[in-house]
């Protein structure tokens, strides 16, 4: 027969590993990284649209900003994942 403390420990471990990531958290970290990379102008011109199935969809105000983010998308993805503590963002998709 198992004691209650061992069951609680197993239950707590399970809860910690099942963290659901919401859009607001991803958007906040994305904005923070864009602001550090491109400044205040960049954070106004490049905005997150939505997050679904590991893909972060981003809107830009011009094709110049779209190509800038496209060229840096791998580095931005790595920085976001480092901030989140896992491989949550698989890809950044740019929409103009």
N, C-alpha and C. Protein backbone atom coordinates (compact mmCIF):
# COMPACT_ATOMS: atom_id res chain seq x y z
N UNK A 1 0.84 -1.18 0.00
CA UNK A 1 0.00 0.00 0.00
C UNK A 1 0.89 1.25 0.00
N UNK A 2 0.55 2.21 -0.84
CA UNK A 2 1.33 3.44 -0.97
C UNK A 2 0.86 4.48 0.05
N UNK A 3 1.83 5.24 0.53
CA UNK A 3 1.44 6.31 1.45
C UNK A 3 1.06 7.57 0.68
N UNK A 4 0.37 8.43 1.34
CA UNK A 4 -0.19 9.62 0.71
C UNK A 4 0.87 10.57 0.16
N UNK A 5 1.99 10.71 0.86
CA UNK A 5 3.03 11.66 0.41
C UNK A 5 3.65 11.24 -0.92
N UNK A 6 3.81 9.95 -1.16
CA UNK A 6 4.37 9.51 -2.44
C UNK A 6 3.40 9.79 -3.59
N UNK A 7 2.11 9.65 -3.34
CA UNK A 7 1.12 9.95 -4.37
C UNK A 7 1.08 11.45 -4.68
N UNK A 8 1.19 12.27 -3.65
CA UNK A 8 1.18 13.73 -3.85
C UNK A 8 2.41 14.16 -4.63
N UNK A 9 3.57 13.60 -4.34
CA UNK A 9 4.80 13.94 -5.06
C UNK A 9 4.67 13.58 -6.54
N UNK A 10 4.12 12.42 -6.83
CA UNK A 10 3.92 12.02 -8.23
C UNK A 10 2.95 12.97 -8.92
N UNK A 11 1.91 13.34 -8.24
CA UNK A 11 0.90 14.24 -8.81
C UNK A 11 1.50 15.62 -9.09
N UNK A 12 2.30 16.14 -8.15
CA UNK A 12 2.91 17.46 -8.33
C UNK A 12 3.89 17.46 -9.49
N UNK A 13 4.65 16.41 -9.68
CA UNK A 13 5.59 16.33 -10.80
C UNK A 13 4.83 16.37 -12.12
N UNK A 14 3.71 15.71 -12.17
CA UNK A 14 2.91 15.66 -13.38
C UNK A 14 2.35 17.03 -13.73
N UNK A 15 1.90 17.77 -12.75
CA UNK A 15 1.32 19.09 -12.97
C UNK A 15 2.36 20.06 -13.49
N UNK A 16 3.56 20.02 -12.96
CA UNK A 16 4.61 20.95 -13.36
C UNK A 16 5.01 20.75 -14.82
N UNK A 17 5.02 19.53 -15.30
CA UNK A 17 5.44 19.26 -16.67
C UNK A 17 4.37 19.61 -17.70
N UNK A 18 3.12 19.75 -17.29
CA UNK A 18 2.03 20.03 -18.21
C UNK A 18 1.68 21.52 -18.22
N UNK A 19 2.66 22.38 -18.50
CA UNK A 19 2.42 23.82 -18.54
C UNK A 19 1.93 24.20 -19.93
N UNK A 20 0.83 24.93 -19.96
CA UNK A 20 0.26 25.38 -21.23
C UNK A 20 0.74 26.81 -21.48
N UNK A 21 1.25 27.03 -22.67
CA UNK A 21 1.78 28.34 -23.04
C UNK A 21 0.69 29.13 -23.75
N UNK A 22 0.43 30.34 -23.26
CA UNK A 22 -0.62 31.15 -23.88
C UNK A 22 -0.01 32.21 -24.81
N UNK A 23 -0.87 32.81 -25.62
CA UNK A 23 -0.45 33.82 -26.60
C UNK A 23 0.21 35.03 -25.94
N UNK A 24 -0.37 35.48 -24.84
CA UNK A 24 0.12 36.70 -24.19
C UNK A 24 1.57 36.57 -23.75
N UNK A 25 1.93 35.42 -23.22
CA UNK A 25 3.31 35.20 -22.78
C UNK A 25 4.26 35.24 -23.96
N UNK A 26 3.92 34.54 -25.02
CA UNK A 26 4.76 34.51 -26.22
C UNK A 26 4.87 35.91 -26.82
N UNK A 27 3.75 36.63 -26.90
CA UNK A 27 3.75 37.98 -27.47
C UNK A 27 4.61 38.93 -26.64
N UNK A 28 4.52 38.83 -25.31
CA UNK A 28 5.31 39.69 -24.43
C UNK A 28 6.81 39.48 -24.67
N UNK A 29 7.22 38.22 -24.71
CA UNK A 29 8.64 37.91 -24.91
C UNK A 29 9.08 38.31 -26.31
N UNK A 30 8.23 38.08 -27.31
CA UNK A 30 8.55 38.50 -28.68
C UNK A 30 8.76 40.01 -28.74
N UNK A 31 7.84 40.77 -28.16
CA UNK A 31 7.97 42.24 -28.16
C UNK A 31 9.26 42.68 -27.47
N UNK A 32 9.58 42.04 -26.37
CA UNK A 32 10.79 42.38 -25.62
C UNK A 32 12.04 42.14 -26.47
N UNK A 33 12.07 41.03 -27.17
CA UNK A 33 13.24 40.69 -28.00
C UNK A 33 13.31 41.61 -29.22
N UNK A 34 12.18 41.88 -29.86
CA UNK A 34 12.17 42.78 -31.02
C UNK A 34 12.62 44.18 -30.60
N UNK A 35 12.17 44.62 -29.44
CA UNK A 35 12.57 45.95 -28.95
C UNK A 35 14.07 46.00 -28.68
N UNK A 36 14.64 44.91 -28.17
CA UNK A 36 16.09 44.90 -27.91
C UNK A 36 16.89 44.80 -29.21
N UNK A 37 16.34 44.12 -30.22
CA UNK A 37 17.04 43.95 -31.49
C UNK A 37 16.91 45.18 -32.41
N UNK A 38 15.68 45.70 -32.53
CA UNK A 38 15.39 46.74 -33.52
C UNK A 38 14.98 48.07 -32.92
N UNK A 39 14.89 48.16 -31.61
CA UNK A 39 14.52 49.41 -30.96
C UNK A 39 13.02 49.63 -30.94
N UNK A 40 12.64 50.83 -30.52
CA UNK A 40 11.23 51.18 -30.38
C UNK A 40 10.51 51.19 -31.72
N UNK A 41 11.17 51.66 -32.77
CA UNK A 41 10.57 51.67 -34.11
C UNK A 41 10.26 50.25 -34.57
N UNK A 42 11.18 49.33 -34.33
CA UNK A 42 10.97 47.94 -34.72
C UNK A 42 9.81 47.31 -33.99
N UNK A 43 9.65 47.63 -32.70
CA UNK A 43 8.55 47.05 -31.94
C UNK A 43 7.19 47.59 -32.39
N UNK A 44 7.19 48.77 -33.01
CA UNK A 44 5.95 49.32 -33.56
C UNK A 44 5.66 48.72 -34.94
N UNK A 45 6.69 48.50 -35.73
CA UNK A 45 6.54 48.03 -37.11
C UNK A 45 6.36 46.51 -37.23
N UNK A 46 6.82 45.77 -36.24
CA UNK A 46 6.74 44.30 -36.26
C UNK A 46 5.90 43.87 -35.07
N UNK A 47 4.73 43.29 -35.34
CA UNK A 47 3.79 42.90 -34.28
C UNK A 47 3.42 41.43 -34.39
N UNK A 48 3.33 40.73 -33.27
CA UNK A 48 2.86 39.34 -33.31
C UNK A 48 1.36 39.32 -33.60
N UNK A 49 0.95 38.37 -34.41
CA UNK A 49 -0.46 38.26 -34.79
C UNK A 49 -1.15 37.17 -33.98
N UNK A 50 -0.67 35.93 -34.09
CA UNK A 50 -1.18 34.85 -33.26
C UNK A 50 -0.17 33.72 -33.18
N UNK A 51 -0.40 32.83 -32.22
CA UNK A 51 0.49 31.71 -31.94
C UNK A 51 -0.33 30.43 -31.97
N UNK A 52 0.09 29.47 -32.83
CA UNK A 52 -0.66 28.23 -32.95
C UNK A 52 0.27 27.10 -33.35
N UNK A 53 0.19 25.99 -32.65
CA UNK A 53 0.96 24.77 -32.94
C UNK A 53 2.46 25.03 -33.09
N UNK A 54 3.00 25.85 -32.22
CA UNK A 54 4.43 26.12 -32.25
C UNK A 54 4.87 27.13 -33.29
N UNK A 55 3.93 27.67 -34.03
CA UNK A 55 4.25 28.68 -35.04
C UNK A 55 3.79 30.05 -34.55
N UNK A 56 4.69 31.02 -34.63
CA UNK A 56 4.37 32.39 -34.27
C UNK A 56 4.18 33.18 -35.55
N UNK A 57 2.97 33.68 -35.76
CA UNK A 57 2.65 34.45 -36.95
C UNK A 57 2.84 35.93 -36.63
N UNK A 58 3.60 36.61 -37.49
CA UNK A 58 4.01 37.99 -37.25
C UNK A 58 3.57 38.86 -38.42
N UNK A 59 3.03 40.05 -38.12
CA UNK A 59 2.67 41.02 -39.15
C UNK A 59 3.69 42.14 -39.15
N UNK A 60 4.03 42.61 -40.35
CA UNK A 60 4.94 43.74 -40.49
C UNK A 60 4.25 44.84 -41.30
N UNK A 61 4.73 46.06 -41.14
CA UNK A 61 4.11 47.18 -41.86
C UNK A 61 4.66 47.38 -43.26
N UNK A 62 5.80 46.77 -43.56
CA UNK A 62 6.36 46.93 -44.90
C UNK A 62 7.16 45.69 -45.28
N UNK A 63 7.45 45.58 -46.56
CA UNK A 63 8.24 44.44 -47.02
C UNK A 63 9.68 44.53 -46.53
N UNK A 64 10.17 45.72 -46.27
CA UNK A 64 11.53 45.88 -45.74
C UNK A 64 11.64 45.26 -44.34
N UNK A 65 10.65 45.53 -43.50
CA UNK A 65 10.64 44.93 -42.17
C UNK A 65 10.41 43.42 -42.25
N UNK A 66 9.59 42.99 -43.19
CA UNK A 66 9.34 41.56 -43.37
C UNK A 66 10.62 40.83 -43.74
N UNK A 67 11.41 41.39 -44.65
CA UNK A 67 12.65 40.73 -45.04
C UNK A 67 13.69 40.79 -43.92
N UNK A 68 13.69 41.85 -43.14
CA UNK A 68 14.61 41.95 -42.00
C UNK A 68 14.32 40.86 -40.96
N UNK A 69 13.05 40.69 -40.64
CA UNK A 69 12.66 39.65 -39.68
C UNK A 69 12.89 38.27 -40.28
N UNK A 70 12.62 38.12 -41.58
CA UNK A 70 12.84 36.84 -42.25
C UNK A 70 14.30 36.41 -42.16
N UNK A 71 15.21 37.35 -42.35
CA UNK A 71 16.64 37.03 -42.29
C UNK A 71 17.09 36.69 -40.87
N UNK A 72 16.45 37.28 -39.86
CA UNK A 72 16.84 37.05 -38.47
C UNK A 72 15.92 36.07 -37.74
N UNK A 73 15.01 35.41 -38.44
CA UNK A 73 14.00 34.59 -37.78
C UNK A 73 14.59 33.46 -36.94
N UNK A 74 15.69 32.86 -37.39
CA UNK A 74 16.28 31.76 -36.63
C UNK A 74 16.84 32.27 -35.29
N UNK A 75 17.54 33.39 -35.33
CA UNK A 75 18.12 33.96 -34.12
C UNK A 75 17.02 34.43 -33.16
N UNK A 76 15.95 35.02 -33.70
CA UNK A 76 14.83 35.47 -32.87
C UNK A 76 14.15 34.27 -32.23
N UNK A 77 13.96 33.20 -32.99
CA UNK A 77 13.35 31.98 -32.47
C UNK A 77 14.18 31.41 -31.32
N UNK A 78 15.50 31.37 -31.50
CA UNK A 78 16.37 30.86 -30.44
C UNK A 78 16.28 31.70 -29.18
N UNK A 79 16.23 33.01 -29.33
CA UNK A 79 16.13 33.90 -28.16
C UNK A 79 14.80 33.72 -27.44
N UNK A 80 13.71 33.58 -28.19
CA UNK A 80 12.40 33.37 -27.57
C UNK A 80 12.40 32.05 -26.81
N UNK A 81 12.90 31.00 -27.43
CA UNK A 81 12.94 29.69 -26.77
C UNK A 81 13.82 29.72 -25.53
N UNK A 82 14.91 30.45 -25.57
CA UNK A 82 15.78 30.58 -24.40
C UNK A 82 15.04 31.26 -23.25
N UNK A 83 14.27 32.30 -23.57
CA UNK A 83 13.49 33.01 -22.55
C UNK A 83 12.38 32.13 -21.98
N UNK A 84 11.76 31.33 -22.84
CA UNK A 84 10.67 30.46 -22.40
C UNK A 84 11.17 29.21 -21.69
N UNK A 85 12.42 28.85 -21.92
CA UNK A 85 12.98 27.68 -21.25
C UNK A 85 12.66 26.38 -21.94
N UNK A 86 12.46 26.38 -23.23
CA UNK A 86 12.17 25.15 -23.96
C UNK A 86 12.06 25.43 -25.44
N UNK A 87 11.71 24.40 -26.19
CA UNK A 87 11.55 24.53 -27.65
C UNK A 87 10.08 24.74 -27.98
N UNK A 88 9.54 25.86 -27.52
CA UNK A 88 8.12 26.14 -27.72
C UNK A 88 7.83 26.71 -29.10
N UNK A 89 8.71 27.56 -29.61
CA UNK A 89 8.53 28.17 -30.92
C UNK A 89 9.31 27.35 -31.94
N UNK A 90 8.60 26.80 -32.90
CA UNK A 90 9.23 25.99 -33.95
C UNK A 90 9.60 26.88 -35.13
N UNK A 91 8.71 27.81 -35.45
CA UNK A 91 8.89 28.61 -36.66
C UNK A 91 8.24 29.98 -36.49
N UNK A 92 8.82 30.97 -37.15
CA UNK A 92 8.21 32.30 -37.23
C UNK A 92 7.74 32.49 -38.66
N UNK A 93 6.45 32.76 -38.82
CA UNK A 93 5.85 32.96 -40.14
C UNK A 93 5.54 34.45 -40.28
N UNK A 94 6.05 35.07 -41.35
CA UNK A 94 5.89 36.50 -41.54
C UNK A 94 4.76 36.77 -42.52
N UNK A 95 3.85 37.67 -42.12
CA UNK A 95 2.76 38.11 -42.98
C UNK A 95 2.88 39.62 -43.13
N UNK A 96 2.64 40.10 -44.33
CA UNK A 96 2.71 41.55 -44.56
C UNK A 96 1.32 42.12 -44.68
